[in-house]
Amino acid sequence: MQIVTPQMVEDVAWDGQLTQANVSFRSATAPPRVSLGKPSVWTMDALKAQLGKDWVKPAGAQQFALARFDFTLHKSDDERARYTNAALRVYLRPRDGAGQAFAHDLMPQRVLADDKRAIKFSLEPNLKFAVLGEAGVKAGIEIEHHNAFPVAQAYGLGEAHPYWQFQHHATVPLLGCQSVYLVVAASGAVRVSVELQAAVESRFGIVRLGTPEDARENLSWVIG
């Protein structure tokens, strides 16, 4: 099985302008617009079928699913404005309120500005990510990932609130479609919600922004 990461958000869940402290962007610069996609989800049954005899269920009684989250930072009308950083935050909680839900693994874990623009990962039989070509990596489910961001760092492995931090780099702007992958471990169905935060620098200074409260209903799903 091969998963090819799209170059754009294919199934938009919410498209709109970021806000500052729940109010409109206060500047002569037009409010920045972003698009967030609905997660693409592969259940444990689908993963088992693709991994075949190499399937190795991780220890514990949890169920697992692979999910991809996509979002786009659109270009500002102000040519001098730029994103200095952005964060995609994912919140996991059991749908029925009992049990637990957490990030079994995250991808990418870390991307530097000089990394290749296209990276191939493998989801191994133990449902952990690995870079194809490295010693000892078993060919599991292959993921071709377009490295659209220059610098990225994942946080929250093993926690219910994983997130990715993206940074602007002088050679490659923080702009366009970004995609991340998450292996969710849970005792049952999971309520998943996302939030996007960003800092925008213009001639008026740096403003910190986020998805507005009225977007939350469109950015929450049940998986599993």
N, C-alpha and C. Protein backbone atom coordinates (compact mmCIF):
# COMPACT_ATOMS: atom_id res chain seq x y z
N MET A 1 0.85 -1.20 0.00
CA MET A 1 0.00 0.00 0.00
C MET A 1 0.88 1.24 0.00
N GLN A 2 0.54 2.19 -0.83
CA GLN A 2 1.26 3.45 -0.87
C GLN A 2 0.28 4.60 -0.68
N ILE A 3 0.63 5.50 0.21
CA ILE A 3 -0.17 6.70 0.46
C ILE A 3 0.62 7.89 -0.07
N VAL A 4 0.02 8.63 -0.99
CA VAL A 4 0.66 9.81 -1.54
C VAL A 4 0.02 11.05 -0.93
N THR A 5 0.81 11.85 -0.26
CA THR A 5 0.30 13.04 0.39
C THR A 5 -0.12 14.07 -0.66
N PRO A 6 -1.32 14.61 -0.58
CA PRO A 6 -1.78 15.56 -1.60
C PRO A 6 -1.03 16.89 -1.52
N GLN A 7 -1.04 17.60 -2.62
CA GLN A 7 -0.39 18.90 -2.68
C GLN A 7 -1.32 20.04 -2.27
N MET A 8 -2.58 19.71 -2.02
CA MET A 8 -3.56 20.71 -1.61
C MET A 8 -4.61 20.04 -0.74
N VAL A 9 -5.35 20.84 0.01
CA VAL A 9 -6.44 20.31 0.83
C VAL A 9 -7.55 19.85 -0.10
N GLU A 10 -7.85 18.55 -0.09
CA GLU A 10 -8.81 18.00 -1.03
C GLU A 10 -10.24 18.02 -0.50
N ASP A 11 -10.41 17.90 0.79
CA ASP A 11 -11.75 17.88 1.39
C ASP A 11 -11.78 18.91 2.52
N VAL A 12 -12.21 20.12 2.21
CA VAL A 12 -12.12 21.24 3.14
C VAL A 12 -13.19 21.14 4.22
N ALA A 13 -12.77 21.21 5.47
CA ALA A 13 -13.70 21.23 6.60
C ALA A 13 -14.05 22.65 7.00
N TRP A 14 -13.06 23.55 6.89
CA TRP A 14 -13.30 24.96 7.24
C TRP A 14 -12.32 25.82 6.48
N ASP A 15 -12.82 26.92 5.95
CA ASP A 15 -12.01 27.88 5.21
C ASP A 15 -12.42 29.26 5.68
N GLY A 16 -11.46 30.01 6.18
CA GLY A 16 -11.82 31.33 6.68
C GLY A 16 -10.60 32.10 7.16
N GLN A 17 -10.86 33.19 7.84
CA GLN A 17 -9.81 34.08 8.31
C GLN A 17 -9.49 33.82 9.77
N LEU A 18 -8.22 33.84 10.08
CA LEU A 18 -7.81 33.73 11.47
C LEU A 18 -8.18 35.01 12.22
N THR A 19 -8.31 34.88 13.53
CA THR A 19 -8.69 36.03 14.34
C THR A 19 -7.71 36.22 15.49
N GLN A 20 -7.73 37.41 16.04
CA GLN A 20 -6.89 37.75 17.18
C GLN A 20 -7.77 37.91 18.40
N ALA A 21 -7.57 37.03 19.39
CA ALA A 21 -8.32 37.11 20.64
C ALA A 21 -9.83 37.21 20.39
N ASN A 22 -10.30 36.35 19.47
CA ASN A 22 -11.72 36.25 19.17
C ASN A 22 -12.33 37.48 18.51
N VAL A 23 -11.48 38.35 17.96
CA VAL A 23 -11.98 39.49 17.20
C VAL A 23 -11.27 39.53 15.86
N SER A 24 -11.77 40.34 14.95
CA SER A 24 -11.17 40.41 13.63
C SER A 24 -9.75 40.95 13.71
N PHE A 25 -8.95 40.58 12.72
CA PHE A 25 -7.55 40.98 12.62
C PHE A 25 -7.47 42.51 12.59
N ARG A 26 -6.83 43.10 13.57
CA ARG A 26 -6.79 44.56 13.68
C ARG A 26 -5.55 45.10 12.99
N SER A 27 -5.71 45.43 11.73
CA SER A 27 -4.59 45.94 10.97
C SER A 27 -5.11 46.40 9.62
N ALA A 28 -4.34 47.25 8.96
CA ALA A 28 -4.69 47.64 7.60
C ALA A 28 -4.47 46.48 6.64
N THR A 29 -3.70 45.49 7.07
CA THR A 29 -3.49 44.29 6.28
C THR A 29 -4.71 43.39 6.36
N ALA A 30 -5.11 42.80 5.25
CA ALA A 30 -6.27 41.91 5.24
C ALA A 30 -6.02 40.72 6.14
N PRO A 31 -7.03 40.23 6.84
CA PRO A 31 -6.86 39.07 7.72
C PRO A 31 -6.35 37.86 6.93
N PRO A 32 -5.40 37.11 7.47
CA PRO A 32 -4.89 35.94 6.75
C PRO A 32 -5.95 34.85 6.67
N ARG A 33 -5.99 34.15 5.55
CA ARG A 33 -6.96 33.10 5.31
C ARG A 33 -6.27 31.75 5.35
N VAL A 34 -6.95 30.77 5.94
CA VAL A 34 -6.43 29.41 5.99
C VAL A 34 -7.54 28.43 5.62
N SER A 35 -7.12 27.26 5.20
CA SER A 35 -8.07 26.17 4.92
C SER A 35 -7.62 24.96 5.73
N LEU A 36 -8.55 24.31 6.41
CA LEU A 36 -8.27 23.08 7.15
C LEU A 36 -9.12 21.96 6.57
N GLY A 37 -8.50 20.80 6.35
CA GLY A 37 -9.20 19.69 5.75
C GLY A 37 -9.76 18.71 6.76
N LYS A 38 -10.72 17.92 6.30
CA LYS A 38 -11.19 16.81 7.11
C LYS A 38 -10.09 15.76 7.16
N PRO A 39 -9.90 15.09 8.29
CA PRO A 39 -8.83 14.09 8.37
C PRO A 39 -9.11 12.90 7.47
N SER A 40 -8.05 12.39 6.85
CA SER A 40 -8.12 11.12 6.13
C SER A 40 -7.75 10.03 7.13
N VAL A 41 -8.58 9.00 7.25
CA VAL A 41 -8.42 8.00 8.31
C VAL A 41 -8.34 6.60 7.72
N TRP A 42 -7.37 5.82 8.21
CA TRP A 42 -7.24 4.40 7.89
C TRP A 42 -7.39 3.62 9.19
N THR A 43 -8.40 2.77 9.29
CA THR A 43 -8.68 2.04 10.52
C THR A 43 -7.68 0.90 10.72
N MET A 44 -7.71 0.31 11.91
CA MET A 44 -6.81 -0.79 12.21
C MET A 44 -7.06 -1.98 11.28
N ASP A 45 -8.33 -2.24 10.96
CA ASP A 45 -8.63 -3.35 10.06
C ASP A 45 -7.98 -3.14 8.71
N ALA A 46 -8.01 -1.91 8.20
CA ALA A 46 -7.37 -1.61 6.92
C ALA A 46 -5.86 -1.74 7.03
N LEU A 47 -5.30 -1.31 8.13
CA LEU A 47 -3.85 -1.41 8.31
C LEU A 47 -3.41 -2.86 8.40
N LYS A 48 -4.16 -3.68 9.14
CA LYS A 48 -3.82 -5.10 9.27
C LYS A 48 -3.85 -5.78 7.91
N ALA A 49 -4.85 -5.44 7.11
CA ALA A 49 -4.97 -6.08 5.80
C ALA A 49 -3.78 -5.72 4.90
N GLN A 50 -3.29 -4.50 5.01
CA GLN A 50 -2.18 -4.07 4.17
C GLN A 50 -0.84 -4.61 4.67
N LEU A 51 -0.69 -4.73 5.98
CA LEU A 51 0.58 -5.22 6.53
C LEU A 51 0.67 -6.75 6.48
N GLY A 52 -0.47 -7.43 6.38
CA GLY A 52 -0.48 -8.87 6.20
C GLY A 52 0.18 -9.63 7.34
N LYS A 53 0.98 -10.62 6.99
CA LYS A 53 1.60 -11.50 7.99
C LYS A 53 2.61 -10.77 8.86
N ASP A 54 3.07 -9.59 8.41
CA ASP A 54 4.06 -8.84 9.20
C ASP A 54 3.41 -8.02 10.31
N TRP A 55 2.07 -8.02 10.34
CA TRP A 55 1.36 -7.23 11.35
C TRP A 55 1.80 -7.60 12.76
N VAL A 56 2.14 -6.62 13.55
CA VAL A 56 2.51 -6.81 14.95
C VAL A 56 1.69 -5.83 15.78
N LYS A 57 0.70 -6.35 16.49
CA LYS A 57 -0.14 -5.46 17.29
C LYS A 57 0.65 -4.95 18.49
N PRO A 58 0.76 -3.63 18.66
CA PRO A 58 1.46 -3.10 19.83
C PRO A 58 0.83 -3.60 21.13
N ALA A 59 1.65 -3.64 22.17
CA ALA A 59 1.17 -4.12 23.47
C ALA A 59 0.04 -3.24 23.99
N GLY A 60 -0.87 -3.86 24.73
CA GLY A 60 -1.99 -3.12 25.30
C GLY A 60 -3.30 -3.48 24.63
N ALA A 61 -4.39 -2.95 25.17
CA ALA A 61 -5.72 -3.28 24.67
C ALA A 61 -6.28 -2.21 23.75
N GLN A 62 -5.44 -1.26 23.33
CA GLN A 62 -5.92 -0.16 22.53
C GLN A 62 -6.25 -0.59 21.09
N GLN A 63 -7.11 0.21 20.49
CA GLN A 63 -7.37 0.13 19.06
C GLN A 63 -6.55 1.24 18.39
N PHE A 64 -6.26 1.06 17.10
CA PHE A 64 -5.38 2.01 16.42
C PHE A 64 -5.99 2.48 15.11
N ALA A 65 -5.59 3.67 14.71
CA ALA A 65 -5.99 4.23 13.42
C ALA A 65 -4.90 5.19 12.97
N LEU A 66 -4.72 5.28 11.66
CA LEU A 66 -3.80 6.25 11.07
C LEU A 66 -4.62 7.41 10.53
N ALA A 67 -4.20 8.62 10.84
CA ALA A 67 -4.94 9.80 10.39
C ALA A 67 -3.97 10.83 9.80
N ARG A 68 -4.41 11.47 8.73
CA ARG A 68 -3.63 12.57 8.15
C ARG A 68 -4.44 13.86 8.28
N PHE A 69 -3.75 14.94 8.64
CA PHE A 69 -4.36 16.25 8.78
C PHE A 69 -3.68 17.22 7.81
N ASP A 70 -4.48 17.93 7.03
CA ASP A 70 -3.96 18.87 6.03
C ASP A 70 -4.48 20.27 6.31
N PHE A 71 -3.64 21.26 6.04
CA PHE A 71 -4.10 22.65 6.11
C PHE A 71 -3.28 23.50 5.15
N THR A 72 -3.86 24.63 4.76
CA THR A 72 -3.19 25.54 3.84
C THR A 72 -3.11 26.93 4.44
N LEU A 73 -1.91 27.50 4.41
CA LEU A 73 -1.71 28.90 4.76
C LEU A 73 -1.71 29.67 3.44
N HIS A 74 -2.75 30.46 3.21
CA HIS A 74 -2.87 31.18 1.95
C HIS A 74 -2.03 32.46 1.99
N LYS A 75 -1.63 32.90 0.82
CA LYS A 75 -0.81 34.10 0.70
C LYS A 75 -1.60 35.34 1.09
N SER A 76 -0.96 36.23 1.80
CA SER A 76 -1.60 37.47 2.22
C SER A 76 -1.67 38.46 1.06
N ASP A 77 -2.67 39.32 1.11
CA ASP A 77 -2.77 40.39 0.11
C ASP A 77 -1.64 41.41 0.28
N ASP A 78 -1.08 41.46 1.46
CA ASP A 78 0.04 42.36 1.74
C ASP A 78 1.34 41.62 1.39
N GLU A 79 2.03 42.04 0.36
CA GLU A 79 3.23 41.35 -0.09
C GLU A 79 4.35 41.37 0.94
N ARG A 80 4.28 42.30 1.88
CA ARG A 80 5.33 42.38 2.91
C ARG A 80 4.99 41.58 4.15
N ALA A 81 3.80 41.01 4.21
CA ALA A 81 3.41 40.19 5.36
C ALA A 81 3.85 38.75 5.16
N ARG A 82 4.23 38.09 6.24
CA ARG A 82 4.62 36.68 6.17
C ARG A 82 4.30 35.98 7.47
N TYR A 83 4.09 34.68 7.38
CA TYR A 83 3.92 33.85 8.58
C TYR A 83 5.31 33.62 9.18
N THR A 84 5.46 33.88 10.47
CA THR A 84 6.72 33.59 11.14
C THR A 84 6.70 32.20 11.77
N ASN A 85 5.53 31.74 12.20
CA ASN A 85 5.39 30.39 12.73
C ASN A 85 3.92 30.01 12.72
N ALA A 86 3.68 28.73 12.85
CA ALA A 86 2.32 28.21 12.91
C ALA A 86 2.33 26.93 13.73
N ALA A 87 1.20 26.58 14.30
CA ALA A 87 1.08 25.36 15.09
C ALA A 87 -0.25 24.70 14.79
N LEU A 88 -0.21 23.42 14.46
CA LEU A 88 -1.42 22.63 14.31
C LEU A 88 -1.55 21.77 15.55
N ARG A 89 -2.63 21.97 16.29
CA ARG A 89 -2.84 21.26 17.55
C ARG A 89 -4.00 20.27 17.39
N VAL A 90 -3.77 19.06 17.86
CA VAL A 90 -4.78 18.00 17.78
C VAL A 90 -5.17 17.59 19.20
N TYR A 91 -6.47 17.48 19.44
CA TYR A 91 -6.96 17.09 20.76
C TYR A 91 -7.69 15.76 20.63
N LEU A 92 -7.27 14.78 21.44
CA LEU A 92 -7.84 13.44 21.41
C LEU A 92 -8.53 13.15 22.74
N ARG A 93 -9.75 12.66 22.64
CA ARG A 93 -10.43 12.25 23.88
C ARG A 93 -11.44 11.15 23.55
N PRO A 94 -11.60 10.18 24.44
CA PRO A 94 -12.56 9.10 24.19
C PRO A 94 -13.96 9.67 23.99
N ARG A 95 -14.68 9.15 23.02
CA ARG A 95 -16.01 9.68 22.73
C ARG A 95 -16.96 9.51 23.91
N ASP A 96 -16.88 8.36 24.62
CA ASP A 96 -17.80 8.11 25.73
C ASP A 96 -17.27 8.65 27.06
N GLY A 97 -16.10 9.29 27.03
CA GLY A 97 -15.55 9.88 28.24
C GLY A 97 -14.76 8.93 29.11
N ALA A 98 -14.77 7.64 28.77
CA ALA A 98 -14.03 6.64 29.56
C ALA A 98 -12.82 6.15 28.77
N GLY A 99 -11.85 5.60 29.48
CA GLY A 99 -10.66 5.08 28.82
C GLY A 99 -9.67 6.17 28.50
N GLN A 100 -8.87 5.93 27.46
CA GLN A 100 -7.83 6.88 27.12
C GLN A 100 -7.65 6.95 25.61
N ALA A 101 -7.02 8.01 25.17
CA ALA A 101 -6.67 8.20 23.77
C ALA A 101 -5.38 9.01 23.72
N PHE A 102 -4.43 8.58 22.89
CA PHE A 102 -3.15 9.26 22.85
C PHE A 102 -2.46 9.04 21.51
N ALA A 103 -1.40 9.80 21.27
CA ALA A 103 -0.62 9.70 20.05
C ALA A 103 0.40 8.57 20.18
N HIS A 104 0.19 7.50 19.41
CA HIS A 104 1.13 6.37 19.41
C HIS A 104 2.40 6.73 18.64
N ASP A 105 2.24 7.50 17.58
CA ASP A 105 3.40 8.02 16.85
C ASP A 105 2.97 9.20 15.99
N LEU A 106 3.96 10.03 15.63
CA LEU A 106 3.73 11.26 14.88
C LEU A 106 4.72 11.34 13.72
N MET A 107 4.26 11.92 12.62
CA MET A 107 5.15 12.12 11.48
C MET A 107 4.75 13.40 10.77
N PRO A 108 5.68 14.28 10.42
CA PRO A 108 7.11 14.16 10.69
C PRO A 108 7.43 14.48 12.15
N GLN A 109 8.50 13.88 12.65
CA GLN A 109 8.95 14.21 14.00
C GLN A 109 9.74 15.50 13.99
N ARG A 110 10.64 15.61 12.99
CA ARG A 110 11.46 16.82 12.89
C ARG A 110 11.92 16.98 11.45
N VAL A 111 11.78 18.19 10.93
CA VAL A 111 12.23 18.52 9.58
C VAL A 111 13.08 19.78 9.66
N LEU A 112 14.27 19.72 9.07
CA LEU A 112 15.17 20.87 9.04
C LEU A 112 15.12 21.54 7.68
N ALA A 113 15.61 22.77 7.61
CA ALA A 113 15.51 23.55 6.38
C ALA A 113 16.27 22.91 5.22
N ASP A 114 17.32 22.14 5.52
CA ASP A 114 18.12 21.55 4.43
C ASP A 114 17.70 20.12 4.09
N ASP A 115 16.60 19.63 4.68
CA ASP A 115 16.12 18.30 4.32
C ASP A 115 15.56 18.31 2.91
N LYS A 116 15.47 17.12 2.32
CA LYS A 116 14.97 17.01 0.96
C LYS A 116 13.52 17.46 0.89
N ARG A 117 13.12 17.90 -0.30
CA ARG A 117 11.77 18.41 -0.48
C ARG A 117 10.72 17.31 -0.57
N ALA A 118 11.14 16.08 -0.79
CA ALA A 118 10.20 14.95 -0.80
C ALA A 118 10.80 13.84 0.05
N ILE A 119 10.03 13.31 0.98
CA ILE A 119 10.52 12.29 1.90
C ILE A 119 9.58 11.10 1.84
N LYS A 120 10.15 9.90 1.85
CA LYS A 120 9.33 8.69 1.88
C LYS A 120 9.45 8.03 3.24
N PHE A 121 8.31 7.83 3.88
CA PHE A 121 8.26 7.19 5.17
C PHE A 121 7.61 5.82 5.03
N SER A 122 7.80 5.00 6.05
CA SER A 122 7.11 3.72 6.13
C SER A 122 6.41 3.64 7.47
N LEU A 123 5.18 3.16 7.44
CA LEU A 123 4.51 2.81 8.69
C LEU A 123 4.79 1.33 8.90
N GLU A 124 5.62 1.02 9.89
CA GLU A 124 6.11 -0.34 10.08
C GLU A 124 5.04 -1.22 10.74
N PRO A 125 5.25 -2.52 10.75
CA PRO A 125 4.26 -3.44 11.32
C PRO A 125 3.88 -3.16 12.77
N ASN A 126 4.76 -2.48 13.52
CA ASN A 126 4.41 -2.11 14.89
C ASN A 126 3.71 -0.75 14.98
N LEU A 127 3.31 -0.21 13.81
CA LEU A 127 2.61 1.07 13.70
C LEU A 127 3.45 2.25 14.18
N LYS A 128 4.76 2.14 13.93
CA LYS A 128 5.66 3.26 14.16
C LYS A 128 6.20 3.73 12.80
N PHE A 129 6.45 5.04 12.70
CA PHE A 129 6.96 5.59 11.46
C PHE A 129 8.48 5.44 11.38
N ALA A 130 8.98 5.26 10.18
CA ALA A 130 10.42 5.21 9.95
C ALA A 130 10.69 5.75 8.56
N VAL A 131 11.91 6.28 8.37
CA VAL A 131 12.30 6.82 7.06
C VAL A 131 12.78 5.68 6.18
N LEU A 132 12.19 5.54 5.02
CA LEU A 132 12.60 4.48 4.09
C LEU A 132 14.05 4.70 3.67
N GLY A 133 14.78 3.60 3.61
CA GLY A 133 16.19 3.67 3.24
C GLY A 133 17.13 3.57 4.41
N GLU A 134 16.62 3.83 5.62
CA GLU A 134 17.47 3.70 6.81
C GLU A 134 17.64 2.23 7.17
N ALA A 135 18.76 1.89 7.77
CA ALA A 135 19.07 0.50 8.12
C ALA A 135 18.02 -0.07 9.06
N GLY A 136 17.56 -1.29 8.77
CA GLY A 136 16.63 -1.98 9.64
C GLY A 136 15.18 -1.62 9.44
N VAL A 137 14.87 -0.70 8.54
CA VAL A 137 13.48 -0.29 8.32
C VAL A 137 12.78 -1.33 7.45
N LYS A 138 11.68 -1.87 7.95
CA LYS A 138 10.90 -2.84 7.20
C LYS A 138 9.90 -2.12 6.30
N ALA A 139 9.73 -2.63 5.12
CA ALA A 139 8.79 -2.02 4.18
C ALA A 139 7.37 -2.34 4.62
N GLY A 140 6.69 -1.39 5.21
CA GLY A 140 5.32 -1.57 5.63
C GLY A 140 4.40 -0.83 4.69
N ILE A 141 3.67 0.13 5.21
CA ILE A 141 2.83 0.99 4.39
C ILE A 141 3.65 2.22 4.01
N GLU A 142 3.87 2.41 2.73
CA GLU A 142 4.74 3.49 2.27
C GLU A 142 3.97 4.80 2.17
N ILE A 143 4.57 5.86 2.69
CA ILE A 143 3.96 7.18 2.66
C ILE A 143 4.91 8.13 1.97
N GLU A 144 4.47 8.68 0.86
CA GLU A 144 5.27 9.69 0.16
C GLU A 144 4.80 11.06 0.63
N HIS A 145 5.72 11.81 1.19
CA HIS A 145 5.37 13.07 1.85
C HIS A 145 6.07 14.22 1.16
N HIS A 146 5.31 15.22 0.75
CA HIS A 146 5.91 16.42 0.18
C HIS A 146 6.30 17.34 1.33
N ASN A 147 7.57 17.61 1.45
CA ASN A 147 8.07 18.44 2.55
C ASN A 147 7.85 19.90 2.19
N ALA A 148 6.63 20.38 2.40
CA ALA A 148 6.28 21.74 1.98
C ALA A 148 6.77 22.79 2.97
N PHE A 149 7.11 22.37 4.19
CA PHE A 149 7.53 23.34 5.18
C PHE A 149 9.03 23.21 5.42
N PRO A 150 9.71 24.32 5.68
CA PRO A 150 11.16 24.28 5.85
C PRO A 150 11.59 23.72 7.20
N VAL A 151 10.88 24.05 8.25
CA VAL A 151 11.26 23.61 9.60
C VAL A 151 10.00 23.17 10.34
N ALA A 152 10.02 21.97 10.90
CA ALA A 152 8.86 21.48 11.65
C ALA A 152 9.35 20.62 12.81
N GLN A 153 8.59 20.64 13.90
CA GLN A 153 8.92 19.84 15.08
C GLN A 153 7.62 19.34 15.69
N ALA A 154 7.56 18.02 15.97
CA ALA A 154 6.38 17.43 16.58
C ALA A 154 6.56 17.35 18.09
N TYR A 155 5.46 17.47 18.81
CA TYR A 155 5.45 17.38 20.27
C TYR A 155 4.25 16.53 20.70
N GLY A 156 4.35 15.95 21.88
CA GLY A 156 3.19 15.27 22.46
C GLY A 156 3.11 13.79 22.16
N LEU A 157 4.22 13.13 21.86
CA LEU A 157 4.20 11.69 21.65
C LEU A 157 3.74 11.00 22.94
N GLY A 158 2.76 10.11 22.81
CA GLY A 158 2.23 9.42 23.98
C GLY A 158 1.24 10.24 24.78
N GLU A 159 0.84 11.39 24.26
CA GLU A 159 -0.07 12.27 24.98
C GLU A 159 -1.36 12.48 24.20
N ALA A 160 -2.34 13.06 24.86
CA ALA A 160 -3.65 13.29 24.25
C ALA A 160 -3.72 14.62 23.49
N HIS A 161 -2.65 15.39 23.57
CA HIS A 161 -2.64 16.70 22.91
C HIS A 161 -1.35 16.84 22.09
N PRO A 162 -1.21 16.08 21.01
CA PRO A 162 -0.03 16.24 20.16
C PRO A 162 -0.17 17.49 19.29
N TYR A 163 0.96 18.04 18.89
CA TYR A 163 0.92 19.19 17.99
C TYR A 163 2.23 19.31 17.22
N TRP A 164 2.16 20.06 16.13
CA TRP A 164 3.32 20.33 15.29
C TRP A 164 3.56 21.82 15.24
N GLN A 165 4.83 22.21 15.40
CA GLN A 165 5.23 23.61 15.33
C GLN A 165 6.01 23.81 14.03
N PHE A 166 5.62 24.79 13.23
CA PHE A 166 6.26 25.09 11.96
C PHE A 166 6.91 26.46 12.04
N GLN A 167 8.11 26.57 11.47
CA GLN A 167 8.84 27.83 11.53
C GLN A 167 9.21 28.32 10.13
N HIS A 168 9.13 29.62 9.94
CA HIS A 168 9.57 30.23 8.69
C HIS A 168 11.09 30.11 8.58
N HIS A 169 11.58 29.96 7.35
CA HIS A 169 13.02 29.96 7.11
C HIS A 169 13.30 30.90 5.96
N ALA A 170 14.45 31.55 5.99
CA ALA A 170 14.76 32.58 5.00
C ALA A 170 14.74 32.05 3.57
N THR A 171 15.13 30.79 3.38
CA THR A 171 15.22 30.25 2.02
C THR A 171 13.90 29.70 1.50
N VAL A 172 13.01 29.31 2.41
CA VAL A 172 11.71 28.75 2.02
C VAL A 172 10.63 29.34 2.93
N PRO A 173 9.67 30.06 2.38
CA PRO A 173 8.64 30.67 3.23
C PRO A 173 7.70 29.64 3.80
N LEU A 174 7.12 29.96 4.94
CA LEU A 174 6.08 29.13 5.54
C LEU A 174 4.77 29.50 4.87
N LEU A 175 4.38 28.71 3.88
CA LEU A 175 3.24 29.06 3.04
C LEU A 175 2.77 27.82 2.31
N GLY A 176 1.50 27.77 1.96
CA GLY A 176 0.98 26.67 1.17
C GLY A 176 0.45 25.53 2.03
N CYS A 177 0.29 24.36 1.40
CA CYS A 177 -0.33 23.21 2.05
C CYS A 177 0.68 22.43 2.88
N GLN A 178 0.31 22.11 4.09
CA GLN A 178 1.11 21.30 5.00
C GLN A 178 0.30 20.07 5.39
N SER A 179 0.98 18.94 5.59
CA SER A 179 0.29 17.70 5.98
C SER A 179 1.09 16.97 7.04
N VAL A 180 0.39 16.41 8.01
CA VAL A 180 1.03 15.63 9.08
C VAL A 180 0.24 14.34 9.28
N TYR A 181 0.92 13.33 9.84
CA TYR A 181 0.30 12.03 10.09
C TYR A 181 0.40 11.69 11.57
N LEU A 182 -0.63 10.98 12.04
CA LEU A 182 -0.73 10.62 13.45
C LEU A 182 -1.31 9.22 13.57
N VAL A 183 -0.66 8.36 14.36
CA VAL A 183 -1.24 7.06 14.71
C VAL A 183 -1.92 7.24 16.06
N VAL A 184 -3.23 7.08 16.06
CA VAL A 184 -4.04 7.26 17.27
C VAL A 184 -4.22 5.92 17.96
N ALA A 185 -3.97 5.88 19.25
CA ALA A 185 -4.24 4.69 20.07
C ALA A 185 -5.33 5.05 21.06
N ALA A 186 -6.34 4.21 21.18
CA ALA A 186 -7.45 4.52 22.07
C ALA A 186 -8.16 3.24 22.49
N SER A 187 -8.92 3.34 23.55
CA SER A 187 -9.67 2.19 24.06
C SER A 187 -10.98 2.01 23.31
N GLY A 188 -11.35 2.95 22.44
CA GLY A 188 -12.58 2.87 21.66
C GLY A 188 -12.65 4.03 20.70
N ALA A 189 -13.85 4.45 20.32
CA ALA A 189 -14.02 5.57 19.41
C ALA A 189 -13.45 6.84 20.04
N VAL A 190 -12.91 7.71 19.19
CA VAL A 190 -12.21 8.90 19.67
C VAL A 190 -12.81 10.15 19.06
N ARG A 191 -12.99 11.17 19.87
CA ARG A 191 -13.35 12.50 19.39
C ARG A 191 -12.05 13.24 19.10
N VAL A 192 -11.89 13.66 17.85
CA VAL A 192 -10.68 14.36 17.42
C VAL A 192 -11.06 15.78 17.01
N SER A 193 -10.35 16.75 17.53
CA SER A 193 -10.56 18.14 17.12
C SER A 193 -9.21 18.79 16.86
N VAL A 194 -9.21 19.79 15.98
CA VAL A 194 -7.97 20.47 15.63
C VAL A 194 -8.11 21.97 15.78
N GLU A 195 -6.97 22.61 15.96
CA GLU A 195 -6.91 24.06 16.09
C GLU A 195 -5.64 24.52 15.40
N LEU A 196 -5.72 25.62 14.65
CA LEU A 196 -4.56 26.18 13.99
C LEU A 196 -4.24 27.54 14.57
N GLN A 197 -2.98 27.74 14.92
CA GLN A 197 -2.51 29.02 15.41
C GLN A 197 -1.38 29.50 14.51
N ALA A 198 -1.23 30.80 14.40
CA ALA A 198 -0.16 31.34 13.55
C ALA A 198 0.23 32.73 14.03
N ALA A 199 1.46 33.10 13.72
CA ALA A 199 1.93 34.47 13.96
C ALA A 199 2.27 35.09 12.61
N VAL A 200 1.75 36.28 12.38
CA VAL A 200 1.95 36.97 11.10
C VAL A 200 2.70 38.27 11.36
N GLU A 201 3.77 38.48 10.60
CA GLU A 201 4.56 39.70 10.71
C GLU A 201 4.31 40.57 9.49
N SER A 202 4.00 41.83 9.73
CA SER A 202 3.82 42.80 8.65
C SER A 202 4.48 44.10 9.07
N ARG A 203 4.28 45.14 8.29
CA ARG A 203 4.86 46.44 8.65
C ARG A 203 4.25 47.01 9.92
N PHE A 204 3.16 46.38 10.39
CA PHE A 204 2.50 46.83 11.62
C PHE A 204 2.98 46.05 12.84
N GLY A 205 3.91 45.09 12.64
CA GLY A 205 4.40 44.28 13.74
C GLY A 205 3.95 42.84 13.62
N ILE A 206 4.11 42.07 14.71
CA ILE A 206 3.74 40.66 14.73
C ILE A 206 2.43 40.50 15.49
N VAL A 207 1.49 39.77 14.89
CA VAL A 207 0.19 39.52 15.51
C VAL A 207 0.00 38.01 15.62
N ARG A 208 -0.43 37.55 16.79
CA ARG A 208 -0.69 36.13 17.00
C ARG A 208 -2.18 35.85 16.82
N LEU A 209 -2.47 34.82 16.03
CA LEU A 209 -3.84 34.56 15.59
C LEU A 209 -4.20 33.09 15.76
N GLY A 210 -5.49 32.81 15.63
CA GLY A 210 -5.94 31.43 15.74
C GLY A 210 -7.28 31.24 15.05
N THR A 211 -7.70 29.99 14.92
CA THR A 211 -9.01 29.72 14.35
C THR A 211 -10.08 30.24 15.31
N PRO A 212 -11.11 30.88 14.79
CA PRO A 212 -12.16 31.45 15.65
C PRO A 212 -13.00 30.37 16.32
N GLU A 213 -13.67 30.77 17.39
CA GLU A 213 -14.48 29.82 18.15
C GLU A 213 -15.60 29.21 17.31
N ASP A 214 -16.17 30.00 16.39
CA ASP A 214 -17.28 29.47 15.61
C ASP A 214 -16.85 28.44 14.57
N ALA A 215 -15.54 28.20 14.47
CA ALA A 215 -15.05 27.17 13.55
C ALA A 215 -14.96 25.80 14.23
N ARG A 216 -15.06 25.76 15.54
CA ARG A 216 -14.79 24.53 16.28
C ARG A 216 -15.73 23.39 15.91
N GLU A 217 -16.99 23.69 15.64
CA GLU A 217 -17.95 22.65 15.31
C GLU A 217 -17.56 21.93 14.01
N ASN A 218 -16.96 22.67 13.08
CA ASN A 218 -16.54 22.09 11.80
C ASN A 218 -15.20 21.38 11.89
N LEU A 219 -14.51 21.53 13.01
CA LEU A 219 -13.16 20.98 13.15
C LEU A 219 -13.11 19.91 14.24
N SER A 220 -14.17 19.14 14.35
CA SER A 220 -14.26 18.06 15.33
C SER A 220 -14.92 16.86 14.68
N TRP A 221 -14.32 15.66 14.88
CA TRP A 221 -14.82 14.45 14.25
C TRP A 221 -14.68 13.27 15.21
N VAL A 222 -15.42 12.21 14.91
CA VAL A 222 -15.29 10.95 15.65
C VAL A 222 -14.66 9.93 14.71
N ILE A 223 -13.61 9.27 15.17
CA ILE A 223 -12.98 8.20 14.39
C ILE A 223 -12.95 6.93 15.24
N GLY A 224 -12.93 5.80 14.56
CA GLY A 224 -12.87 4.53 15.24
C GLY A 224 -14.25 3.92 15.47
